[in-house]
Amino acid sequence: MTPVVVLIGPPGGGKTEVGRLVADRLGVTFRDTDTDVEARAGTSVSDIFIDHGEEHFRALEREAVRTALAEHDGVLALGGGAVLDGGTQDLLRDHHVVYLEVGFAEGVKRVGLARDRPLLVGNPRAQFRELLEARRPTYERVANAVVATDEREPAEVAEMVLLTLKERP
């Protein structure tokens, strides 16, 4: 069993919304590893960061990704930082991975500066810019396809993701 497509990208990229649309179009289920982590921990991602720290969250996330890649055959969305883990990168090599790319201005607009994002504490705009710049090379390296999401509606992005499936070797 293997996911039809794995969506990666930063917060605000639309992984969850686009992933649900793609799953609906394909007639498969949608799964989000952040939701899996929250279900296992019995609390929100933000609370895990606050109460137990990022290292604990990343350990839960690694396990959630490993499990989902092994048992889910629909559309899978990974948390924005999941691909930073070398083991996760190795696991993704045999999967169709689409990077939902979002620019700084669009990402800030989508994420909002008051939303509950543990890695955007302090100066959210500066933190978001740093996050994008630091993660972009990894997203690009891990992905088989890149779909730009700026100034596009989720349905249009979903169609573009579906096109990447048709173009697969």
N, C-alpha and C. Protein backbone atom coordinates (compact mmCIF):
# COMPACT_ATOMS: atom_id res chain seq x y z
N MET A 1 0.85 -1.18 0.00
CA MET A 1 0.00 0.00 0.00
C MET A 1 0.90 1.24 0.00
N THR A 2 0.52 2.22 -0.80
CA THR A 2 1.31 3.43 -0.88
C THR A 2 0.40 4.61 -1.23
N PRO A 3 0.68 5.80 -0.71
CA PRO A 3 -0.16 6.95 -1.05
C PRO A 3 -0.12 7.24 -2.55
N VAL A 4 -1.24 7.72 -3.07
CA VAL A 4 -1.31 8.13 -4.46
C VAL A 4 -0.39 9.33 -4.68
N VAL A 5 -0.41 10.26 -3.74
CA VAL A 5 0.43 11.44 -3.79
C VAL A 5 0.67 11.92 -2.37
N VAL A 6 1.86 12.46 -2.13
CA VAL A 6 2.22 13.04 -0.85
C VAL A 6 2.44 14.54 -1.08
N LEU A 7 1.73 15.37 -0.32
CA LEU A 7 1.86 16.82 -0.45
C LEU A 7 2.76 17.36 0.64
N ILE A 8 3.72 18.19 0.23
CA ILE A 8 4.63 18.84 1.17
C ILE A 8 4.64 20.33 0.90
N GLY A 9 5.13 21.08 1.86
CA GLY A 9 5.26 22.52 1.70
C GLY A 9 5.11 23.23 3.03
N PRO A 10 5.32 24.53 3.01
CA PRO A 10 5.27 25.31 4.25
C PRO A 10 3.84 25.56 4.71
N PRO A 11 3.70 26.09 5.92
CA PRO A 11 2.37 26.53 6.35
C PRO A 11 1.84 27.53 5.32
N GLY A 12 0.55 27.43 5.03
CA GLY A 12 -0.06 28.35 4.08
C GLY A 12 0.01 27.86 2.65
N GLY A 13 0.64 26.73 2.41
CA GLY A 13 0.74 26.19 1.06
C GLY A 13 -0.55 25.57 0.57
N GLY A 14 -1.43 25.21 1.49
CA GLY A 14 -2.72 24.63 1.11
C GLY A 14 -2.75 23.12 1.11
N LYS A 15 -1.82 22.50 1.80
CA LYS A 15 -1.73 21.04 1.77
C LYS A 15 -3.02 20.35 2.18
N THR A 16 -3.64 20.83 3.22
CA THR A 16 -4.86 20.18 3.71
C THR A 16 -6.04 20.44 2.77
N GLU A 17 -6.28 21.68 2.44
CA GLU A 17 -7.43 22.01 1.59
C GLU A 17 -7.27 21.40 0.19
N VAL A 18 -6.12 21.56 -0.40
CA VAL A 18 -5.86 20.99 -1.72
C VAL A 18 -5.89 19.46 -1.65
N GLY A 19 -5.29 18.92 -0.60
CA GLY A 19 -5.28 17.46 -0.44
C GLY A 19 -6.67 16.87 -0.39
N ARG A 20 -7.57 17.52 0.31
CA ARG A 20 -8.95 17.03 0.37
C ARG A 20 -9.62 17.08 -1.00
N LEU A 21 -9.36 18.15 -1.74
CA LEU A 21 -9.94 18.28 -3.09
C LEU A 21 -9.39 17.20 -4.02
N VAL A 22 -8.09 16.96 -3.97
CA VAL A 22 -7.48 15.93 -4.81
C VAL A 22 -8.05 14.56 -4.44
N ALA A 23 -8.15 14.29 -3.16
CA ALA A 23 -8.70 13.00 -2.72
C ALA A 23 -10.13 12.83 -3.21
N ASP A 24 -10.94 13.87 -3.10
CA ASP A 24 -12.32 13.80 -3.59
C ASP A 24 -12.37 13.48 -5.08
N ARG A 25 -11.53 14.17 -5.84
CA ARG A 25 -11.51 13.96 -7.30
C ARG A 25 -11.09 12.54 -7.65
N LEU A 26 -10.18 11.98 -6.86
CA LEU A 26 -9.67 10.63 -7.14
C LEU A 26 -10.52 9.53 -6.51
N GLY A 27 -11.44 9.92 -5.62
CA GLY A 27 -12.26 8.93 -4.94
C GLY A 27 -11.49 8.13 -3.91
N VAL A 28 -10.51 8.78 -3.28
CA VAL A 28 -9.71 8.12 -2.25
C VAL A 28 -9.81 8.93 -0.96
N THR A 29 -9.21 8.43 0.10
CA THR A 29 -9.25 9.14 1.38
C THR A 29 -8.09 10.12 1.50
N PHE A 30 -8.26 11.07 2.40
CA PHE A 30 -7.24 12.07 2.69
C PHE A 30 -6.74 11.85 4.10
N ARG A 31 -5.45 12.05 4.30
CA ARG A 31 -4.85 11.91 5.63
C ARG A 31 -3.80 13.00 5.81
N ASP A 32 -3.75 13.56 7.00
CA ASP A 32 -2.81 14.62 7.35
C ASP A 32 -2.03 14.15 8.57
N THR A 33 -0.71 14.14 8.47
CA THR A 33 0.09 13.62 9.58
C THR A 33 0.02 14.51 10.82
N ASP A 34 -0.23 15.81 10.66
CA ASP A 34 -0.42 16.65 11.85
C ASP A 34 -1.64 16.19 12.64
N THR A 35 -2.70 15.82 11.93
CA THR A 35 -3.91 15.30 12.59
C THR A 35 -3.60 13.98 13.29
N ASP A 36 -2.79 13.14 12.65
CA ASP A 36 -2.39 11.87 13.27
C ASP A 36 -1.62 12.12 14.56
N VAL A 37 -0.69 13.08 14.54
CA VAL A 37 0.10 13.41 15.73
C VAL A 37 -0.83 13.90 16.84
N GLU A 38 -1.75 14.79 16.50
CA GLU A 38 -2.68 15.31 17.51
C GLU A 38 -3.54 14.20 18.11
N ALA A 39 -3.99 13.28 17.26
CA ALA A 39 -4.82 12.16 17.76
C ALA A 39 -4.01 11.28 18.71
N ARG A 40 -2.79 11.00 18.35
CA ARG A 40 -1.95 10.14 19.21
C ARG A 40 -1.62 10.83 20.53
N ALA A 41 -1.31 12.14 20.46
CA ALA A 41 -0.91 12.87 21.67
C ALA A 41 -2.10 13.34 22.49
N GLY A 42 -3.26 13.38 21.87
CA GLY A 42 -4.45 13.84 22.59
C GLY A 42 -4.46 15.34 22.83
N THR A 43 -3.69 16.08 22.02
CA THR A 43 -3.61 17.53 22.17
C THR A 43 -3.16 18.14 20.85
N SER A 44 -3.20 19.45 20.75
CA SER A 44 -2.85 20.14 19.51
C SER A 44 -1.33 20.17 19.28
N VAL A 45 -0.95 20.36 18.03
CA VAL A 45 0.46 20.51 17.69
C VAL A 45 1.07 21.64 18.50
N SER A 46 0.36 22.75 18.58
CA SER A 46 0.86 23.91 19.32
C SER A 46 1.11 23.56 20.78
N ASP A 47 0.19 22.84 21.40
CA ASP A 47 0.37 22.45 22.80
C ASP A 47 1.51 21.46 22.98
N ILE A 48 1.72 20.60 22.00
CA ILE A 48 2.86 19.67 22.08
C ILE A 48 4.16 20.47 22.11
N PHE A 49 4.26 21.46 21.22
CA PHE A 49 5.46 22.31 21.19
C PHE A 49 5.66 23.00 22.53
N ILE A 50 4.59 23.58 23.06
CA ILE A 50 4.68 24.34 24.31
C ILE A 50 5.00 23.44 25.50
N ASP A 51 4.29 22.32 25.60
CA ASP A 51 4.42 21.46 26.78
C ASP A 51 5.62 20.51 26.73
N HIS A 52 6.01 20.08 25.53
CA HIS A 52 7.06 19.06 25.42
C HIS A 52 8.23 19.45 24.53
N GLY A 53 8.09 20.52 23.76
CA GLY A 53 9.18 20.99 22.91
C GLY A 53 9.15 20.43 21.50
N GLU A 54 9.91 21.09 20.63
CA GLU A 54 9.93 20.71 19.22
C GLU A 54 10.50 19.31 19.02
N GLU A 55 11.53 18.94 19.77
CA GLU A 55 12.15 17.62 19.59
C GLU A 55 11.14 16.49 19.81
N HIS A 56 10.32 16.63 20.85
CA HIS A 56 9.29 15.62 21.12
C HIS A 56 8.27 15.58 19.98
N PHE A 57 7.85 16.77 19.52
CA PHE A 57 6.90 16.82 18.41
C PHE A 57 7.50 16.14 17.18
N ARG A 58 8.75 16.43 16.86
CA ARG A 58 9.38 15.85 15.66
C ARG A 58 9.46 14.33 15.76
N ALA A 59 9.68 13.80 16.95
CA ALA A 59 9.70 12.34 17.13
C ALA A 59 8.32 11.75 16.83
N LEU A 60 7.27 12.39 17.35
CA LEU A 60 5.90 11.94 17.07
C LEU A 60 5.60 12.05 15.58
N GLU A 61 6.07 13.13 14.98
CA GLU A 61 5.83 13.38 13.55
C GLU A 61 6.52 12.31 12.70
N ARG A 62 7.77 11.98 13.03
CA ARG A 62 8.50 10.94 12.27
C ARG A 62 7.72 9.63 12.26
N GLU A 63 7.23 9.26 13.43
CA GLU A 63 6.47 8.01 13.54
C GLU A 63 5.16 8.10 12.75
N ALA A 64 4.49 9.24 12.82
CA ALA A 64 3.23 9.42 12.09
C ALA A 64 3.46 9.32 10.59
N VAL A 65 4.53 9.92 10.10
CA VAL A 65 4.85 9.86 8.67
C VAL A 65 5.17 8.43 8.26
N ARG A 66 6.02 7.77 9.03
CA ARG A 66 6.39 6.38 8.71
C ARG A 66 5.14 5.49 8.64
N THR A 67 4.26 5.63 9.62
CA THR A 67 3.04 4.82 9.65
C THR A 67 2.14 5.14 8.46
N ALA A 68 1.92 6.42 8.20
CA ALA A 68 1.03 6.82 7.11
C ALA A 68 1.56 6.36 5.75
N LEU A 69 2.86 6.48 5.54
CA LEU A 69 3.43 6.05 4.25
C LEU A 69 3.27 4.54 4.06
N ALA A 70 3.27 3.79 5.14
CA ALA A 70 3.16 2.34 5.07
C ALA A 70 1.73 1.84 4.92
N GLU A 71 0.76 2.60 5.44
CA GLU A 71 -0.60 2.05 5.47
C GLU A 71 -1.67 2.87 4.76
N HIS A 72 -1.34 4.05 4.26
CA HIS A 72 -2.35 4.90 3.62
C HIS A 72 -2.22 4.85 2.10
N ASP A 73 -3.33 4.63 1.42
CA ASP A 73 -3.28 4.54 -0.04
C ASP A 73 -4.03 5.67 -0.74
N GLY A 74 -4.28 6.76 -0.03
CA GLY A 74 -4.96 7.91 -0.62
C GLY A 74 -4.01 9.07 -0.78
N VAL A 75 -4.50 10.26 -0.49
CA VAL A 75 -3.70 11.48 -0.56
C VAL A 75 -3.19 11.78 0.85
N LEU A 76 -1.90 12.05 0.96
CA LEU A 76 -1.28 12.27 2.26
C LEU A 76 -0.63 13.65 2.29
N ALA A 77 -0.95 14.43 3.32
CA ALA A 77 -0.32 15.73 3.54
C ALA A 77 0.59 15.62 4.75
N LEU A 78 1.84 16.08 4.58
CA LEU A 78 2.79 16.07 5.68
C LEU A 78 2.85 17.45 6.32
N GLY A 79 3.14 17.48 7.61
CA GLY A 79 3.38 18.75 8.28
C GLY A 79 4.54 19.46 7.61
N GLY A 80 4.54 20.78 7.68
CA GLY A 80 5.52 21.59 6.96
C GLY A 80 6.96 21.25 7.23
N GLY A 81 7.29 20.82 8.44
CA GLY A 81 8.68 20.53 8.78
C GLY A 81 9.05 19.06 8.69
N ALA A 82 8.11 18.20 8.34
CA ALA A 82 8.36 16.76 8.34
C ALA A 82 9.51 16.36 7.42
N VAL A 83 9.65 17.04 6.28
CA VAL A 83 10.67 16.65 5.32
C VAL A 83 12.09 17.05 5.73
N LEU A 84 12.21 17.78 6.83
CA LEU A 84 13.54 18.16 7.30
C LEU A 84 14.29 16.97 7.88
N ASP A 85 13.57 15.93 8.27
CA ASP A 85 14.15 14.73 8.85
C ASP A 85 14.74 13.85 7.75
N GLY A 86 16.02 13.50 7.88
CA GLY A 86 16.69 12.68 6.88
C GLY A 86 16.02 11.33 6.66
N GLY A 87 15.55 10.71 7.73
CA GLY A 87 14.85 9.43 7.60
C GLY A 87 13.57 9.56 6.81
N THR A 88 12.86 10.65 7.02
CA THR A 88 11.63 10.90 6.26
C THR A 88 11.96 11.13 4.79
N GLN A 89 13.02 11.87 4.53
CA GLN A 89 13.44 12.09 3.14
C GLN A 89 13.72 10.75 2.45
N ASP A 90 14.39 9.84 3.15
CA ASP A 90 14.67 8.52 2.58
C ASP A 90 13.37 7.77 2.29
N LEU A 91 12.42 7.83 3.22
CA LEU A 91 11.15 7.14 3.03
C LEU A 91 10.36 7.69 1.84
N LEU A 92 10.52 8.96 1.55
CA LEU A 92 9.75 9.60 0.47
C LEU A 92 10.31 9.30 -0.92
N ARG A 93 11.49 8.74 -1.01
CA ARG A 93 12.13 8.51 -2.32
C ARG A 93 11.28 7.68 -3.26
N ASP A 94 10.51 6.75 -2.76
CA ASP A 94 9.72 5.86 -3.61
C ASP A 94 8.27 6.32 -3.77
N HIS A 95 8.00 7.57 -3.43
CA HIS A 95 6.63 8.09 -3.51
C HIS A 95 6.55 9.27 -4.45
N HIS A 96 5.34 9.54 -4.93
CA HIS A 96 5.11 10.73 -5.76
C HIS A 96 4.86 11.89 -4.79
N VAL A 97 5.81 12.83 -4.74
CA VAL A 97 5.78 13.93 -3.78
C VAL A 97 5.61 15.24 -4.54
N VAL A 98 4.60 16.02 -4.16
CA VAL A 98 4.35 17.31 -4.79
C VAL A 98 4.54 18.41 -3.75
N TYR A 99 5.40 19.34 -4.09
CA TYR A 99 5.67 20.51 -3.25
C TYR A 99 4.71 21.62 -3.64
N LEU A 100 3.85 22.01 -2.70
CA LEU A 100 2.95 23.14 -2.90
C LEU A 100 3.69 24.39 -2.47
N GLU A 101 4.21 25.09 -3.45
CA GLU A 101 5.06 26.26 -3.22
C GLU A 101 4.20 27.50 -2.98
N VAL A 102 4.58 28.27 -1.97
CA VAL A 102 3.90 29.53 -1.68
C VAL A 102 4.96 30.59 -1.42
N GLY A 103 4.72 31.78 -1.95
CA GLY A 103 5.66 32.87 -1.73
C GLY A 103 5.43 33.53 -0.39
N PHE A 104 6.36 34.39 -0.01
CA PHE A 104 6.30 35.04 1.29
C PHE A 104 5.01 35.84 1.49
N ALA A 105 4.70 36.74 0.59
CA ALA A 105 3.53 37.62 0.76
C ALA A 105 2.24 36.81 0.81
N GLU A 106 2.10 35.86 -0.09
CA GLU A 106 0.89 35.04 -0.12
C GLU A 106 0.82 34.15 1.13
N GLY A 107 1.94 33.60 1.53
CA GLY A 107 1.97 32.74 2.72
C GLY A 107 1.57 33.49 3.97
N VAL A 108 2.09 34.72 4.13
CA VAL A 108 1.73 35.53 5.29
C VAL A 108 0.23 35.82 5.28
N LYS A 109 -0.29 36.12 4.11
CA LYS A 109 -1.73 36.42 3.99
C LYS A 109 -2.56 35.19 4.40
N ARG A 110 -2.15 34.02 3.95
CA ARG A 110 -2.90 32.80 4.24
C ARG A 110 -2.75 32.35 5.69
N VAL A 111 -1.54 32.39 6.20
CA VAL A 111 -1.29 31.92 7.56
C VAL A 111 -1.84 32.91 8.58
N GLY A 112 -1.75 34.19 8.26
CA GLY A 112 -2.17 35.20 9.22
C GLY A 112 -1.16 35.29 10.34
N LEU A 113 -1.05 36.43 10.92
CA LEU A 113 -0.03 36.61 11.95
C LEU A 113 -0.53 36.31 13.34
N ALA A 114 -1.83 36.07 13.48
CA ALA A 114 -2.38 35.81 14.81
C ALA A 114 -2.74 34.33 14.98
N ARG A 115 -2.49 33.52 13.95
CA ARG A 115 -2.87 32.12 14.04
C ARG A 115 -1.92 31.34 14.92
N ASP A 116 -2.36 30.17 15.29
CA ASP A 116 -1.66 29.32 16.24
C ASP A 116 -0.57 28.51 15.56
N ARG A 117 0.58 29.12 15.31
CA ARG A 117 1.70 28.46 14.64
C ARG A 117 2.91 28.51 15.56
N PRO A 118 3.29 27.39 16.16
CA PRO A 118 4.36 27.41 17.16
C PRO A 118 5.71 27.89 16.64
N LEU A 119 6.00 27.71 15.37
CA LEU A 119 7.31 28.14 14.87
C LEU A 119 7.33 29.59 14.42
N LEU A 120 6.19 30.28 14.56
CA LEU A 120 6.12 31.67 14.14
C LEU A 120 5.93 32.60 15.32
N VAL A 121 6.44 32.20 16.48
CA VAL A 121 6.32 33.00 17.68
C VAL A 121 7.34 34.13 17.63
N GLY A 122 7.03 35.23 18.28
CA GLY A 122 7.95 36.37 18.29
C GLY A 122 7.62 37.32 17.16
N ASN A 123 8.47 37.39 16.16
CA ASN A 123 8.24 38.21 14.97
C ASN A 123 7.78 37.27 13.86
N PRO A 124 6.46 37.08 13.71
CA PRO A 124 5.96 36.07 12.78
C PRO A 124 6.40 36.30 11.33
N ARG A 125 6.43 37.54 10.87
CA ARG A 125 6.83 37.80 9.48
C ARG A 125 8.29 37.38 9.25
N ALA A 126 9.17 37.77 10.15
CA ALA A 126 10.58 37.40 10.01
C ALA A 126 10.76 35.89 10.14
N GLN A 127 10.04 35.29 11.09
CA GLN A 127 10.13 33.84 11.29
C GLN A 127 9.65 33.09 10.05
N PHE A 128 8.56 33.58 9.45
CA PHE A 128 8.00 32.92 8.27
C PHE A 128 8.98 33.05 7.10
N ARG A 129 9.58 34.21 6.92
CA ARG A 129 10.55 34.40 5.83
C ARG A 129 11.73 33.43 6.02
N GLU A 130 12.25 33.35 7.24
CA GLU A 130 13.37 32.45 7.52
C GLU A 130 12.98 30.99 7.27
N LEU A 131 11.77 30.62 7.69
CA LEU A 131 11.28 29.26 7.51
C LEU A 131 11.23 28.93 6.02
N LEU A 132 10.65 29.83 5.22
CA LEU A 132 10.56 29.59 3.77
C LEU A 132 11.95 29.43 3.16
N GLU A 133 12.84 30.34 3.48
CA GLU A 133 14.18 30.32 2.89
C GLU A 133 14.97 29.07 3.30
N ALA A 134 14.82 28.67 4.55
CA ALA A 134 15.55 27.51 5.05
C ALA A 134 15.02 26.19 4.49
N ARG A 135 13.71 26.10 4.31
CA ARG A 135 13.11 24.84 3.89
C ARG A 135 13.00 24.66 2.38
N ARG A 136 12.95 25.75 1.63
CA ARG A 136 12.73 25.66 0.18
C ARG A 136 13.66 24.66 -0.51
N PRO A 137 14.97 24.67 -0.26
CA PRO A 137 15.85 23.72 -0.95
C PRO A 137 15.49 22.25 -0.66
N THR A 138 15.09 21.97 0.56
CA THR A 138 14.70 20.60 0.91
C THR A 138 13.41 20.22 0.22
N TYR A 139 12.42 21.11 0.24
CA TYR A 139 11.16 20.82 -0.46
C TYR A 139 11.44 20.52 -1.93
N GLU A 140 12.26 21.34 -2.57
CA GLU A 140 12.55 21.16 -3.99
C GLU A 140 13.30 19.86 -4.26
N ARG A 141 14.21 19.50 -3.38
CA ARG A 141 15.00 18.28 -3.56
C ARG A 141 14.15 17.03 -3.38
N VAL A 142 13.24 17.05 -2.42
CA VAL A 142 12.44 15.88 -2.09
C VAL A 142 11.30 15.65 -3.09
N ALA A 143 10.80 16.73 -3.69
CA ALA A 143 9.61 16.64 -4.55
C ALA A 143 9.92 16.13 -5.95
N ASN A 144 8.93 15.42 -6.51
CA ASN A 144 8.97 15.01 -7.91
C ASN A 144 8.38 16.11 -8.79
N ALA A 145 7.53 16.95 -8.18
CA ALA A 145 6.86 18.02 -8.92
C ALA A 145 6.64 19.20 -7.98
N VAL A 146 6.63 20.39 -8.56
CA VAL A 146 6.38 21.62 -7.80
C VAL A 146 5.15 22.29 -8.41
N VAL A 147 4.20 22.67 -7.55
CA VAL A 147 3.01 23.40 -8.00
C VAL A 147 2.99 24.72 -7.26
N ALA A 148 3.08 25.81 -8.01
CA ALA A 148 3.01 27.15 -7.43
C ALA A 148 1.56 27.44 -7.06
N THR A 149 1.35 27.94 -5.85
CA THR A 149 -0.02 28.16 -5.37
C THR A 149 -0.41 29.63 -5.28
N ASP A 150 0.56 30.53 -5.43
CA ASP A 150 0.26 31.96 -5.29
C ASP A 150 -0.81 32.39 -6.29
N GLU A 151 -1.76 33.17 -5.79
CA GLU A 151 -2.84 33.74 -6.60
C GLU A 151 -3.65 32.68 -7.34
N ARG A 152 -3.74 31.50 -6.77
CA ARG A 152 -4.55 30.43 -7.34
C ARG A 152 -5.54 29.94 -6.31
N GLU A 153 -6.72 29.63 -6.76
CA GLU A 153 -7.73 29.03 -5.90
C GLU A 153 -7.37 27.57 -5.63
N PRO A 154 -7.78 27.05 -4.47
CA PRO A 154 -7.46 25.65 -4.15
C PRO A 154 -7.88 24.66 -5.24
N ALA A 155 -9.02 24.88 -5.86
CA ALA A 155 -9.48 23.96 -6.92
C ALA A 155 -8.52 23.95 -8.10
N GLU A 156 -7.96 25.11 -8.45
CA GLU A 156 -6.99 25.19 -9.54
C GLU A 156 -5.69 24.47 -9.16
N VAL A 157 -5.26 24.66 -7.92
CA VAL A 157 -4.05 23.98 -7.45
C VAL A 157 -4.28 22.47 -7.45
N ALA A 158 -5.46 22.04 -7.02
CA ALA A 158 -5.78 20.61 -7.02
C ALA A 158 -5.70 20.03 -8.44
N GLU A 159 -6.21 20.76 -9.42
CA GLU A 159 -6.13 20.31 -10.81
C GLU A 159 -4.68 20.17 -11.26
N MET A 160 -3.86 21.11 -10.83
CA MET A 160 -2.44 21.05 -11.19
C MET A 160 -1.76 19.84 -10.54
N VAL A 161 -2.13 19.53 -9.31
CA VAL A 161 -1.59 18.33 -8.65
C VAL A 161 -2.03 17.09 -9.41
N LEU A 162 -3.28 17.04 -9.81
CA LEU A 162 -3.77 15.90 -10.59
C LEU A 162 -3.00 15.75 -11.90
N LEU A 163 -2.65 16.85 -12.53
CA LEU A 163 -1.85 16.78 -13.76
C LEU A 163 -0.48 16.15 -13.49
N THR A 164 0.09 16.40 -12.34
CA THR A 164 1.40 15.79 -12.04
C THR A 164 1.29 14.27 -11.97
N LEU A 165 0.12 13.78 -11.59
CA LEU A 165 -0.08 12.33 -11.53
C LEU A 165 -0.12 11.73 -12.93
N LYS A 166 -0.69 12.47 -13.87
CA LYS A 166 -0.76 11.99 -15.25
C LYS A 166 0.60 12.04 -15.93
N GLU A 167 1.45 12.95 -15.48
CA GLU A 167 2.77 13.14 -16.09
C GLU A 167 3.83 12.24 -15.48
N ARG A 168 3.46 11.47 -14.48
CA ARG A 168 4.41 10.58 -13.81
C ARG A 168 4.95 9.54 -14.78
N PRO A 169 6.23 9.20 -14.63
CA PRO A 169 6.80 8.13 -15.48
C PRO A 169 6.23 6.78 -15.12
